Amino acid sequence: MDGVDPNFVNALCPDDLDRVTDMHEGAFARMPALMEVGVHTVVNGPITYTIDGASLVGRIPGQRNAFCIIGLCAGLGDGGGHGWLLAQQIVQGETCNDTGCLEPRSFTGHANVELTVLKAIEDYQNEFRFHFPREHRSAGRPAKTTLLSPVLAAEGTEFTVVNGWERVDYIKPTPDFSPTLSFDFDETFDLVAAEVANVQNGVGPAEVNGFNRIEITGAYRHAFFEPDVLRHRHPA
């Protein structure tokens, strides 16, 4: 919780054999020879996790000519493919696959230690489960909201998360509505189609809090939005 010791190499956490007894029993059942040769060492070390469980691969924000592969929870399993993608970024400037989900700039200021801990525990608990579309996991939420959030919630909104922001996914027709988790079209398909038609042909609110923001500072920040005024004061 206080950060990684800069001298950390391969220090381990204290042994906790009771916690892995059931896994040993499963291994013994599959490979009875293990009961004869024994188990020499049980490695109990820290695992790295990011907020969404995906590693961070690519150029380090704000650093010149610096790249990283970090946040791997399965280094041996992921290292080969991640190294291949990173080599392409270093040599060619881009990869043959879309690596946006691995972008080191994925998280902003809301990704503090407390939120990371909550999401890491949640991800570990669900590591071997499929993450279905519209499966809204609850740990660490809500992190960021707007003045519209309670208004939309009162209308029965089901929220999703975009860079920490609570954002409308769809409006529930009834308070107890819960779609079937599936990779196919689910019960929300027609709901969203109706919402789109309503906004297209009528009027409705739109929450765009997940988009990027650009802060403009300086003495002439207001004039920046009035090009004619700016040119008058500072002709080319």
Protein backbone atom coordinates (compact mmCIF):
# COMPACT_ATOMS: atom_id res chain seq x y z
CA MET A 1 0.00 0.00 0.00
CA ASP A 2 2.96 2.32 0.53
CA GLY A 3 4.47 1.56 -2.87
CA VAL A 4 7.08 -0.88 -4.10
CA ASP A 5 10.51 -0.82 -2.47
CA PRO A 6 12.96 0.51 -5.09
CA ASN A 7 15.29 -2.34 -4.09
CA PHE A 8 12.59 -4.97 -4.65
CA VAL A 9 13.78 -7.93 -6.72
CA ASN A 10 12.08 -11.17 -5.75
CA ALA A 11 11.07 -10.83 -2.12
CA LEU A 12 8.07 -12.94 -1.20
CA CYS A 13 5.09 -12.57 1.09
CA PRO A 14 4.87 -14.86 4.16
CA ASP A 15 3.90 -18.47 3.46
CA ASP A 16 0.19 -19.24 3.75
CA LEU A 17 -0.07 -22.95 2.97
CA ASP A 18 -3.61 -23.32 4.33
CA ARG A 19 -4.86 -21.00 1.62
CA VAL A 20 -3.54 -23.22 -1.19
CA THR A 21 -4.25 -26.65 0.28
CA ASP A 22 -7.28 -27.25 -1.94
CA MET A 23 -5.24 -26.35 -5.05
CA HIS A 24 -2.52 -28.79 -4.00
CA GLU A 25 -5.11 -31.51 -3.57
CA GLY A 26 -6.35 -30.88 -7.10
CA ALA A 27 -2.80 -31.03 -8.44
CA PHE A 28 -2.12 -34.28 -6.57
CA ALA A 29 -5.28 -35.82 -8.05
CA ARG A 30 -4.13 -34.96 -11.57
CA MET A 31 -0.46 -35.84 -11.01
CA PRO A 32 -0.16 -38.46 -8.24
CA ALA A 33 3.63 -38.43 -8.67
CA LEU A 34 3.68 -35.10 -6.84
CA MET A 35 2.75 -36.91 -3.62
CA GLU A 36 5.91 -38.99 -3.94
CA VAL A 37 8.42 -36.33 -4.97
CA GLY A 38 6.89 -33.60 -2.81
CA VAL A 39 6.62 -29.86 -3.29
CA HIS A 40 9.89 -28.00 -2.76
CA THR A 41 8.71 -24.38 -2.74
CA VAL A 42 5.42 -22.50 -2.79
CA VAL A 43 5.91 -19.04 -4.29
CA ASN A 44 3.75 -16.43 -2.55
CA GLY A 45 4.63 -13.15 -4.17
CA PRO A 46 2.87 -9.93 -5.16
CA ILE A 47 0.96 -9.75 -8.45
CA THR A 48 0.51 -6.50 -10.33
CA TYR A 49 -2.98 -5.40 -11.30
CA THR A 50 -4.38 -2.34 -13.00
CA ILE A 51 -7.88 -0.97 -12.52
CA ASP A 52 -9.32 -2.87 -15.50
CA GLY A 53 -7.08 -5.92 -15.24
CA ALA A 54 -5.32 -5.13 -18.54
CA SER A 55 -1.61 -4.37 -18.71
CA LEU A 56 -0.16 -1.03 -19.85
CA VAL A 57 2.01 -1.29 -22.95
CA GLY A 58 3.45 1.61 -24.90
CA ARG A 59 4.99 5.05 -24.65
CA ILE A 60 5.21 6.50 -21.14
CA PRO A 61 3.24 9.78 -21.00
CA GLY A 62 5.37 12.86 -20.58
CA GLN A 63 8.68 11.05 -21.16
CA ARG A 64 10.84 11.23 -24.26
CA ASN A 65 11.72 7.95 -25.92
CA ALA A 66 10.57 5.87 -22.92
CA PHE A 67 8.30 2.83 -23.14
CA CYS A 68 6.86 0.36 -20.67
CA ILE A 69 5.23 -3.02 -20.19
CA ILE A 70 3.75 -2.99 -16.70
CA GLY A 71 0.71 -4.28 -14.83
CA LEU A 72 1.01 -7.85 -16.11
CA CYS A 73 -0.68 -10.33 -13.80
CA ALA A 74 0.67 -13.24 -15.90
CA GLY A 75 4.10 -12.17 -17.04
CA LEU A 76 5.21 -15.44 -18.60
CA GLY A 77 1.91 -15.88 -20.38
CA ASP A 78 1.61 -12.30 -21.63
CA GLY A 79 5.23 -11.29 -22.08
CA GLY A 80 5.80 -12.66 -25.56
CA GLY A 81 2.82 -11.00 -27.19
CA HIS A 82 3.26 -7.76 -25.29
CA GLY A 83 6.94 -7.58 -26.21
CA TRP A 84 6.04 -8.14 -29.86
CA LEU A 85 3.55 -5.25 -29.77
CA LEU A 86 5.94 -2.95 -27.91
CA ALA A 87 8.75 -3.66 -30.39
CA GLN A 88 6.45 -2.53 -33.19
CA GLN A 89 5.65 0.69 -31.34
CA ILE A 90 9.32 1.44 -30.76
CA VAL A 91 10.44 0.65 -34.31
CA GLN A 92 7.42 1.61 -36.40
CA GLY A 93 5.50 4.01 -34.16
CA GLU A 94 2.36 1.86 -34.28
CA THR A 95 1.26 -1.75 -34.09
CA CYS A 96 -0.54 -4.08 -36.47
CA ASN A 97 -3.32 -4.44 -33.88
CA ASP A 98 -5.38 -1.85 -32.03
CA THR A 99 -3.69 -1.53 -28.62
CA GLY A 100 -5.88 1.26 -27.29
CA CYS A 101 -6.99 -0.95 -24.40
CA LEU A 102 -3.33 -1.17 -23.30
CA GLU A 103 -2.61 2.57 -23.56
CA PRO A 104 -0.50 3.79 -20.57
CA ARG A 105 -2.54 7.01 -20.59
CA SER A 106 -5.74 5.03 -19.90
CA PHE A 107 -6.33 6.41 -16.41
CA THR A 108 -6.50 9.92 -15.04
CA GLY A 109 -6.47 11.46 -11.58
CA HIS A 110 -9.33 9.34 -10.24
CA ALA A 111 -7.10 6.24 -10.37
CA ASN A 112 -5.73 6.63 -6.87
CA VAL A 113 -4.43 3.92 -4.55
CA GLU A 114 -7.77 3.35 -2.85
CA LEU A 115 -9.65 2.82 -6.12
CA THR A 116 -6.89 0.62 -7.52
CA VAL A 117 -7.06 -1.66 -4.47
CA LEU A 118 -10.83 -2.07 -4.77
CA LYS A 119 -10.67 -2.80 -8.50
CA ALA A 120 -7.69 -5.16 -8.14
CA ILE A 121 -9.59 -7.25 -5.59
CA GLU A 122 -12.67 -7.28 -7.82
CA ASP A 123 -10.66 -8.28 -10.87
CA TYR A 124 -8.88 -11.04 -8.97
CA GLN A 125 -12.22 -12.42 -7.79
CA ASN A 126 -13.48 -12.50 -11.40
CA GLU A 127 -10.24 -13.37 -13.19
CA PHE A 128 -11.48 -16.63 -14.67
CA ARG A 129 -14.97 -15.38 -15.52
CA PHE A 130 -16.05 -13.83 -18.80
CA HIS A 131 -16.66 -10.10 -18.62
CA PHE A 132 -19.92 -9.76 -20.49
CA PRO A 133 -21.05 -6.65 -22.34
CA ARG A 134 -23.13 -4.41 -20.05
CA GLU A 135 -21.85 -6.21 -16.98
CA HIS A 136 -21.40 -3.25 -14.67
CA ARG A 137 -19.08 -4.24 -11.85
CA SER A 138 -19.54 -2.10 -8.80
CA ALA A 139 -16.19 -1.77 -7.01
CA GLY A 140 -14.98 1.79 -6.56
CA ARG A 141 -18.07 3.41 -8.08
CA PRO A 142 -19.04 6.12 -8.51
CA ALA A 143 -15.67 7.80 -8.97
CA LYS A 144 -16.69 10.79 -11.10
CA THR A 145 -20.17 12.26 -11.61
CA THR A 146 -21.66 15.45 -13.03
CA LEU A 147 -24.61 17.64 -12.05
CA LEU A 148 -26.73 15.61 -14.48
CA SER A 149 -25.95 12.27 -12.83
CA PRO A 150 -28.64 12.43 -10.08
CA VAL A 151 -31.18 13.76 -12.59
CA LEU A 152 -30.55 10.84 -14.93
CA ALA A 153 -30.48 8.36 -12.03
CA ALA A 154 -33.95 9.52 -11.02
CA GLU A 155 -35.16 8.53 -14.49
CA GLY A 156 -33.98 4.95 -14.01
CA THR A 157 -30.61 5.19 -15.72
CA GLU A 158 -28.25 2.25 -15.81
CA PHE A 159 -24.77 3.73 -15.82
CA THR A 160 -21.58 2.49 -17.38
CA VAL A 161 -18.07 3.88 -16.80
CA VAL A 162 -15.92 5.88 -19.22
CA ASN A 163 -12.55 6.84 -17.71
CA GLY A 164 -14.09 6.94 -14.27
CA TRP A 165 -17.10 9.00 -15.33
CA GLU A 166 -20.56 7.59 -14.67
CA ARG A 167 -22.23 7.70 -18.07
CA VAL A 168 -25.67 6.64 -19.32
CA ASP A 169 -25.84 3.18 -20.85
CA TYR A 170 -29.62 2.94 -21.14
CA ILE A 171 -32.81 3.83 -19.29
CA LYS A 172 -34.45 0.94 -17.45
CA PRO A 173 -38.15 0.50 -18.28
CA THR A 174 -38.84 -0.75 -14.72
CA PRO A 175 -36.80 -0.48 -11.50
CA ASP A 176 -36.21 -4.25 -11.40
CA PHE A 177 -35.16 -4.54 -15.06
CA SER A 178 -31.98 -6.61 -15.48
CA PRO A 179 -30.80 -7.80 -18.91
CA THR A 180 -29.45 -11.25 -19.56
CA LEU A 181 -25.65 -11.25 -19.63
CA SER A 182 -24.74 -12.36 -23.13
CA PHE A 183 -22.41 -11.73 -26.06
CA ASP A 184 -25.49 -11.69 -28.30
CA PHE A 185 -28.09 -8.92 -28.54
CA ASP A 186 -29.90 -8.73 -25.20
CA GLU A 187 -33.04 -7.08 -23.87
CA THR A 188 -31.42 -3.62 -23.98
CA PHE A 189 -31.13 -3.63 -27.78
CA ASP A 190 -34.67 -2.41 -28.43
CA LEU A 191 -34.49 0.00 -25.49
CA VAL A 192 -31.44 1.77 -26.89
CA ALA A 193 -32.96 1.82 -30.40
CA ALA A 194 -36.05 3.55 -29.00
CA GLU A 195 -33.92 6.09 -27.13
CA VAL A 196 -31.95 6.89 -30.28
CA ALA A 197 -35.18 7.34 -32.23
CA ASN A 198 -36.57 9.65 -29.54
CA VAL A 199 -33.52 11.91 -29.65
CA GLN A 200 -33.32 11.78 -33.43
CA ASN A 201 -36.95 12.70 -33.99
CA GLY A 202 -37.66 14.67 -30.84
CA VAL A 203 -35.53 15.96 -28.01
CA GLY A 204 -33.63 14.46 -25.11
CA PRO A 205 -30.65 15.01 -22.79
CA ALA A 206 -27.17 13.82 -23.73
CA GLU A 207 -24.33 13.31 -21.27
CA VAL A 208 -20.90 13.66 -22.89
CA ASN A 209 -18.71 13.58 -19.77
CA GLY A 210 -16.46 10.80 -21.09
CA PHE A 211 -14.87 12.92 -23.79
CA ASN A 212 -11.48 14.60 -23.56
CA ARG A 213 -11.07 18.04 -22.09
CA ILE A 214 -8.53 20.68 -23.05
CA GLU A 215 -7.61 23.39 -20.56
CA ILE A 216 -6.50 26.69 -22.09
CA THR A 217 -4.58 29.04 -19.81
CA GLY A 218 -2.74 32.31 -20.14
CA ALA A 219 -3.51 36.01 -20.45
CA TYR A 220 -5.23 35.59 -23.84
CA ARG A 221 -7.23 32.45 -23.03
CA HIS A 222 -10.56 34.22 -23.59
CA ALA A 223 -9.43 35.80 -26.81
CA PHE A 224 -8.48 32.35 -28.03
CA PHE A 225 -12.18 31.75 -28.65
CA GLU A 226 -12.52 35.04 -30.53
CA PRO A 227 -10.07 34.74 -33.45
CA ASP A 228 -10.98 38.16 -34.89
CA VAL A 229 -10.20 39.88 -31.58
CA LEU A 230 -6.95 37.99 -31.23
CA ARG A 231 -5.80 38.88 -34.75
CA HIS A 232 -6.68 42.53 -34.15
CA ARG A 233 -4.57 42.66 -30.99
CA HIS A 234 -1.72 40.61 -32.37
CA PRO A 235 -1.57 40.91 -36.15
CA ALA A 236 0.59 38.33 -37.92
